[in-house]
Amino acid sequence: MAVNLASKYSKNVDERFSLLSVTENIGLNKEYDWSGVKTVTVYSIDTVAMRDYSRSGTSRYGTPAELSDTKKDYSLSKDRSFTYTIDRGNATEQLMIKKAGNSLARQIREVVVPEIDTYRLAAWYTAAVANSHSATAAVSDSNAYAKLLAAQEALDEDKVPQSGRICFVTPAYYNFLKQDDTFIKAGDMSQKMLINGQVGEVDGVKIIKVPSSYFPSGGNVSFLLMHPKCSVSPKKLEDYKTHDNPPGINGWLVEGRLIYDCFVLEAKKDAIFVHKTA
């Protein structure tokens, strides 16, 4: 005689782990507005060199020249969207686990937010490399702190403000830093790290740990140091909708659209430094 065992489906959904945005609230530059336009043109005004004053003649200050300028256009290039349906019949036969509102929140959390984070990090990485503001060398538990100090020095030499800097680090680099004896002996913050197992700031720089997959593929990035005021990252349109029984569908239609981009301002491009491993 056959025995048919009963089975039961749970109403609880096994949600995947996800991260909040690592780039949204770091203090990016908000001085430029893309409302109503696709492209914003930003001017940079040049300066003139000093010279010796002459105490004779009619051009004692020197020969004046018209003050020059440069301009750069920043055009939004990312126009992204997603859509899916939830059939009402399927939903009722699956304990109504596919709820439109919950699924939209999941889509934003697991797809939209990581895409923007990785896009911004790629833009900053590309700008630093193109500007020769990068270094390539192996990182270990004996030199992790020294590499960060070298990056700090590069920004110092380019007159980047010391206050407000951010450093995005991979888990591997973070572990090396925690084990670096030079850093551990450096001060009170490192002693707190030993007790609490956390690094919030290093030399006044906020440390943000991100998965290595967030950095450009093949970049072998250890960390990216920057001042967020060097970058603008507008989100011109961010529109998410759930439609209940739209024409032709018995159920729900979920749609989302996002127009965004990330730019490094030409006059502030020295405010990013990337360290890559060999």
Protein backbone atom coordinates (compact mmCIF):
# COMPACT_ATOMS: atom_id res chain seq x y z
CA MET A 1 0.00 0.00 0.00
CA ALA A 2 1.36 3.42 -1.02
CA VAL A 3 1.93 6.08 1.61
CA ASN A 4 1.43 9.69 0.44
CA LEU A 5 3.22 12.10 2.73
CA ALA A 6 1.81 15.58 3.19
CA SER A 7 3.81 18.71 2.35
CA LYS A 8 3.36 22.30 3.40
CA TYR A 9 4.50 25.59 1.91
CA SER A 10 5.41 28.46 4.18
CA LYS A 11 4.09 32.00 3.75
CA ASN A 12 7.47 33.31 4.88
CA VAL A 13 9.82 34.22 2.03
CA ASP A 14 13.52 33.33 2.30
CA GLU A 15 14.93 36.79 1.60
CA ARG A 16 18.48 37.24 0.33
CA PHE A 17 20.98 39.37 2.20
CA SER A 18 21.50 42.82 0.73
CA LEU A 19 23.34 46.06 1.46
CA LEU A 20 22.10 49.58 1.86
CA SER A 21 23.62 52.04 -0.58
CA VAL A 22 27.30 52.64 0.17
CA THR A 23 27.57 55.77 -2.01
CA GLU A 24 24.30 57.65 -1.56
CA ASN A 25 24.89 59.52 1.70
CA ILE A 26 28.59 60.35 1.60
CA GLY A 27 28.15 64.06 0.85
CA LEU A 28 28.35 64.20 -2.95
CA ASN A 29 28.34 67.61 -4.61
CA LYS A 30 24.78 68.99 -4.94
CA GLU A 31 25.61 72.37 -6.50
CA TYR A 32 24.44 71.51 -10.02
CA ASP A 33 20.85 70.93 -11.13
CA TRP A 34 19.72 68.78 -14.08
CA SER A 35 16.01 69.55 -13.61
CA GLY A 36 14.42 70.04 -17.03
CA VAL A 37 17.63 69.39 -18.96
CA LYS A 38 19.82 66.47 -20.01
CA THR A 39 23.13 68.36 -20.15
CA VAL A 40 24.68 70.86 -17.76
CA THR A 41 27.67 72.93 -18.89
CA VAL A 42 30.09 73.82 -16.12
CA TYR A 43 32.64 76.61 -16.46
CA SER A 44 36.06 76.72 -14.85
CA ILE A 45 37.66 80.16 -14.70
CA ASP A 46 41.41 80.43 -15.19
CA THR A 47 43.84 82.64 -13.27
CA VAL A 48 46.84 84.68 -14.34
CA ALA A 49 50.45 84.56 -13.22
CA MET A 50 52.01 87.08 -10.87
CA ARG A 51 54.70 89.42 -12.19
CA ASP A 52 56.96 92.19 -10.94
CA TYR A 53 55.39 95.64 -10.80
CA SER A 54 57.12 98.26 -12.91
CA ARG A 55 57.46 101.77 -11.48
CA SER A 56 57.70 103.41 -14.86
CA GLY A 57 55.84 103.36 -18.15
CA THR A 58 52.11 103.11 -18.91
CA SER A 59 51.66 99.37 -18.28
CA ARG A 60 53.05 99.18 -14.79
CA TYR A 61 50.98 96.15 -13.84
CA GLY A 62 51.89 94.38 -17.06
CA THR A 63 50.02 93.85 -20.32
CA PRO A 64 46.46 92.81 -19.50
CA ALA A 65 44.96 89.83 -21.29
CA GLU A 66 41.34 88.74 -21.26
CA LEU A 67 40.65 86.26 -18.47
CA SER A 68 40.21 82.84 -20.07
CA ASP A 69 37.95 79.97 -19.12
CA THR A 70 37.21 76.36 -19.95
CA LYS A 71 33.90 74.54 -20.00
CA LYS A 72 32.78 70.94 -19.93
CA ASP A 73 29.42 69.38 -20.72
CA TYR A 74 27.99 66.73 -18.40
CA SER A 75 25.21 64.77 -20.14
CA LEU A 76 23.13 62.12 -18.43
CA SER A 77 23.70 58.78 -20.16
CA LYS A 78 21.95 56.17 -18.00
CA ASP A 79 18.24 55.66 -18.75
CA ARG A 80 17.36 52.36 -17.10
CA SER A 81 14.14 50.46 -16.47
CA PHE A 82 12.60 47.18 -15.35
CA THR A 83 9.17 45.57 -15.48
CA TYR A 84 7.45 42.33 -14.48
CA THR A 85 3.99 40.95 -13.85
CA ILE A 86 2.39 38.96 -11.05
CA ASP A 87 -0.59 36.95 -12.28
CA ARG A 88 -3.45 36.97 -9.78
CA GLY A 89 -4.13 33.29 -10.37
CA ASN A 90 -0.54 32.34 -9.67
CA ALA A 91 -0.49 34.57 -6.62
CA THR A 92 -3.61 33.01 -5.09
CA GLU A 93 -2.22 29.52 -5.64
CA GLN A 94 1.11 30.43 -4.01
CA LEU A 95 -0.22 31.68 -0.69
CA MET A 96 -0.03 35.28 -2.02
CA ILE A 97 3.70 35.37 -1.33
CA LYS A 98 4.40 37.53 -4.41
CA LYS A 99 3.09 40.87 -3.23
CA ALA A 100 3.62 43.77 -5.61
CA GLY A 101 4.79 46.26 -2.99
CA ASN A 102 7.17 43.84 -1.30
CA SER A 103 8.58 42.67 -4.62
CA LEU A 104 9.20 46.27 -5.73
CA ALA A 105 11.09 47.02 -2.51
CA ARG A 106 13.13 43.86 -3.09
CA GLN A 107 13.90 44.91 -6.69
CA ILE A 108 15.15 48.32 -5.55
CA ARG A 109 17.15 46.85 -2.68
CA GLU A 110 18.82 44.02 -4.60
CA VAL A 111 19.09 45.38 -8.15
CA VAL A 112 18.71 49.16 -8.39
CA VAL A 113 20.83 50.20 -5.41
CA PRO A 114 23.82 47.91 -6.23
CA GLU A 115 23.76 49.05 -9.88
CA ILE A 116 24.08 52.71 -8.89
CA ASP A 117 26.78 51.96 -6.33
CA THR A 118 28.90 49.97 -8.78
CA TYR A 119 28.40 52.58 -11.51
CA ARG A 120 29.58 55.39 -9.24
CA LEU A 121 32.61 53.46 -8.02
CA ALA A 122 33.52 52.63 -11.62
CA ALA A 123 33.25 56.30 -12.60
CA TRP A 124 35.52 57.36 -9.74
CA TYR A 125 37.98 54.55 -10.45
CA THR A 126 38.15 55.43 -14.15
CA ALA A 127 38.71 59.12 -13.41
CA ALA A 128 41.53 58.41 -10.97
CA VAL A 129 43.33 56.03 -13.34
CA ALA A 130 42.92 58.41 -16.30
CA ASN A 131 44.35 61.21 -14.15
CA SER A 132 47.36 59.07 -13.13
CA HIS A 133 46.17 59.27 -9.54
CA SER A 134 46.70 55.61 -8.80
CA ALA A 135 49.31 53.23 -7.50
CA THR A 136 49.87 49.55 -8.12
CA ALA A 137 51.60 47.42 -5.50
CA ALA A 138 50.94 44.36 -3.39
CA VAL A 139 49.22 44.98 -0.06
CA SER A 140 49.96 42.98 3.06
CA ASP A 141 49.42 43.17 6.80
CA SER A 142 52.78 44.96 7.08
CA ASN A 143 52.16 47.82 4.62
CA ALA A 144 48.38 48.41 4.46
CA TYR A 145 48.53 51.51 6.64
CA ALA A 146 51.53 52.91 4.74
CA LYS A 147 49.64 52.58 1.43
CA LEU A 148 46.74 54.56 2.83
CA LEU A 149 49.11 57.25 4.13
CA ALA A 150 50.69 57.49 0.66
CA ALA A 151 47.26 58.04 -0.89
CA GLN A 152 46.52 60.68 1.72
CA GLU A 153 49.80 62.38 0.85
CA ALA A 154 48.86 62.49 -2.84
CA LEU A 155 45.61 64.28 -2.03
CA ASP A 156 47.42 66.61 0.39
CA GLU A 157 49.87 67.64 -2.34
CA ASP A 158 46.93 68.55 -4.58
CA LYS A 159 45.39 70.72 -1.84
CA VAL A 160 42.34 68.50 -1.40
CA PRO A 161 40.53 69.35 1.86
CA GLN A 162 41.51 66.96 4.63
CA SER A 163 38.12 67.06 6.29
CA GLY A 164 35.38 64.94 4.76
CA ARG A 165 37.46 62.37 2.89
CA ILE A 166 35.98 58.90 2.27
CA CYS A 167 37.82 55.63 1.65
CA PHE A 168 36.06 52.65 0.10
CA VAL A 169 37.97 49.48 0.98
CA THR A 170 37.64 45.82 0.05
CA PRO A 171 37.23 43.22 2.82
CA ALA A 172 40.73 41.90 2.06
CA TYR A 173 42.35 45.31 2.50
CA TYR A 174 40.27 45.95 5.62
CA ASN A 175 41.61 42.75 7.14
CA PHE A 176 45.20 43.69 6.28
CA LEU A 177 44.73 47.09 7.89
CA LYS A 178 43.42 45.56 11.10
CA GLN A 179 46.50 43.35 11.31
CA ASP A 180 49.07 46.03 10.43
CA ASP A 181 51.25 46.57 13.50
CA THR A 182 52.11 50.11 12.41
CA PHE A 183 48.45 51.07 12.39
CA ILE A 184 47.65 49.23 15.61
CA LYS A 185 50.30 51.24 17.44
CA ALA A 186 49.30 54.55 15.83
CA GLY A 187 46.76 55.90 18.29
CA ASP A 188 43.54 55.75 20.27
CA MET A 189 41.30 54.87 17.34
CA SER A 190 43.34 51.79 16.57
CA GLN A 191 43.13 50.77 20.23
CA LYS A 192 39.34 51.03 20.05
CA MET A 193 39.51 48.85 16.95
CA LEU A 194 41.31 46.18 18.95
CA ILE A 195 38.57 46.22 21.57
CA ASN A 196 35.48 46.59 19.37
CA GLY A 197 36.65 44.96 16.17
CA GLN A 198 35.55 47.99 14.15
CA VAL A 199 37.29 50.71 12.18
CA GLY A 200 35.09 53.79 11.73
CA GLU A 201 37.78 56.28 10.79
CA VAL A 202 41.49 56.20 10.02
CA ASP A 203 43.34 59.52 10.29
CA GLY A 204 40.01 61.34 10.05
CA VAL A 205 38.98 59.41 6.91
CA LYS A 206 35.69 57.55 7.06
CA ILE A 207 36.21 53.90 6.09
CA ILE A 208 33.43 52.19 4.11
CA LYS A 209 33.85 48.49 3.48
CA VAL A 210 32.34 47.27 0.19
CA PRO A 211 32.39 43.90 -1.58
CA SER A 212 35.27 43.61 -4.04
CA SER A 213 32.70 42.89 -6.79
CA TYR A 214 31.51 46.50 -6.52
CA PHE A 215 34.78 47.71 -8.06
CA PRO A 216 35.47 47.44 -11.81
CA SER A 217 36.13 43.87 -12.90
CA GLY A 218 39.81 43.08 -13.20
CA GLY A 219 40.84 46.26 -11.42
CA ASN A 220 42.29 44.44 -8.41
CA VAL A 221 41.34 47.43 -6.28
CA SER A 222 42.38 47.55 -2.64
CA PHE A 223 40.88 50.92 -1.80
CA LEU A 224 39.59 54.11 -3.35
CA LEU A 225 40.22 57.34 -1.44
CA MET A 226 38.25 60.45 -2.41
CA HIS A 227 36.69 63.69 -1.32
CA PRO A 228 33.00 63.42 -2.27
CA LYS A 229 32.73 67.09 -3.29
CA CYS A 230 34.69 66.23 -6.44
CA SER A 231 31.73 64.33 -7.87
CA VAL A 232 28.12 64.93 -8.84
CA SER A 233 25.73 62.03 -9.28
CA PRO A 234 22.29 63.29 -10.31
CA LYS A 235 19.18 61.13 -10.35
CA LYS A 236 16.94 63.15 -12.65
CA LEU A 237 14.08 60.65 -12.68
CA GLU A 238 13.30 57.90 -10.20
CA ASP A 239 9.81 56.53 -10.87
CA TYR A 240 8.38 53.24 -9.57
CA LYS A 241 4.79 52.08 -10.10
CA THR A 242 2.55 49.13 -9.30
CA HIS A 243 -0.60 48.76 -11.44
CA ASP A 244 -3.52 46.69 -10.13
CA ASN A 245 -5.35 44.89 -12.98
CA PRO A 246 -3.95 46.97 -15.86
CA PRO A 247 -5.48 46.39 -19.31
CA GLY A 248 -4.79 42.84 -20.52
CA ILE A 249 -3.49 41.52 -17.18
CA ASN A 250 -5.41 40.03 -14.28
CA GLY A 251 -3.01 40.81 -11.49
CA TRP A 252 -0.26 43.36 -11.07
CA LEU A 253 2.19 45.09 -13.36
CA VAL A 254 5.30 46.57 -11.74
CA GLU A 255 7.43 49.13 -13.57
CA GLY A 256 10.42 51.25 -12.72
CA ARG A 257 12.55 53.82 -14.51
CA LEU A 258 15.66 55.66 -13.43
CA ILE A 259 17.66 58.35 -15.23
CA TYR A 260 20.99 58.96 -13.54
CA ASP A 261 24.71 59.37 -14.02
CA CYS A 262 27.92 60.11 -12.15
CA PHE A 263 30.54 62.68 -13.09
CA VAL A 264 33.88 63.79 -11.71
CA LEU A 265 34.22 67.56 -11.98
CA GLU A 266 37.18 68.53 -14.14
CA ALA A 267 38.59 71.08 -11.70
CA LYS A 268 38.37 68.62 -8.80
CA LYS A 269 39.54 65.38 -10.42
CA ASP A 270 42.69 65.31 -8.26
CA ALA A 271 40.52 64.47 -5.26
CA ILE A 272 40.43 60.73 -6.05
CA PHE A 273 43.18 58.17 -5.56
CA VAL A 274 43.02 54.43 -6.27
CA HIS A 275 45.36 51.75 -4.98
CA LYS A 276 45.47 48.52 -6.97
CA THR A 277 47.26 45.30 -6.15
CA ALA A 278 50.03 44.04 -8.40
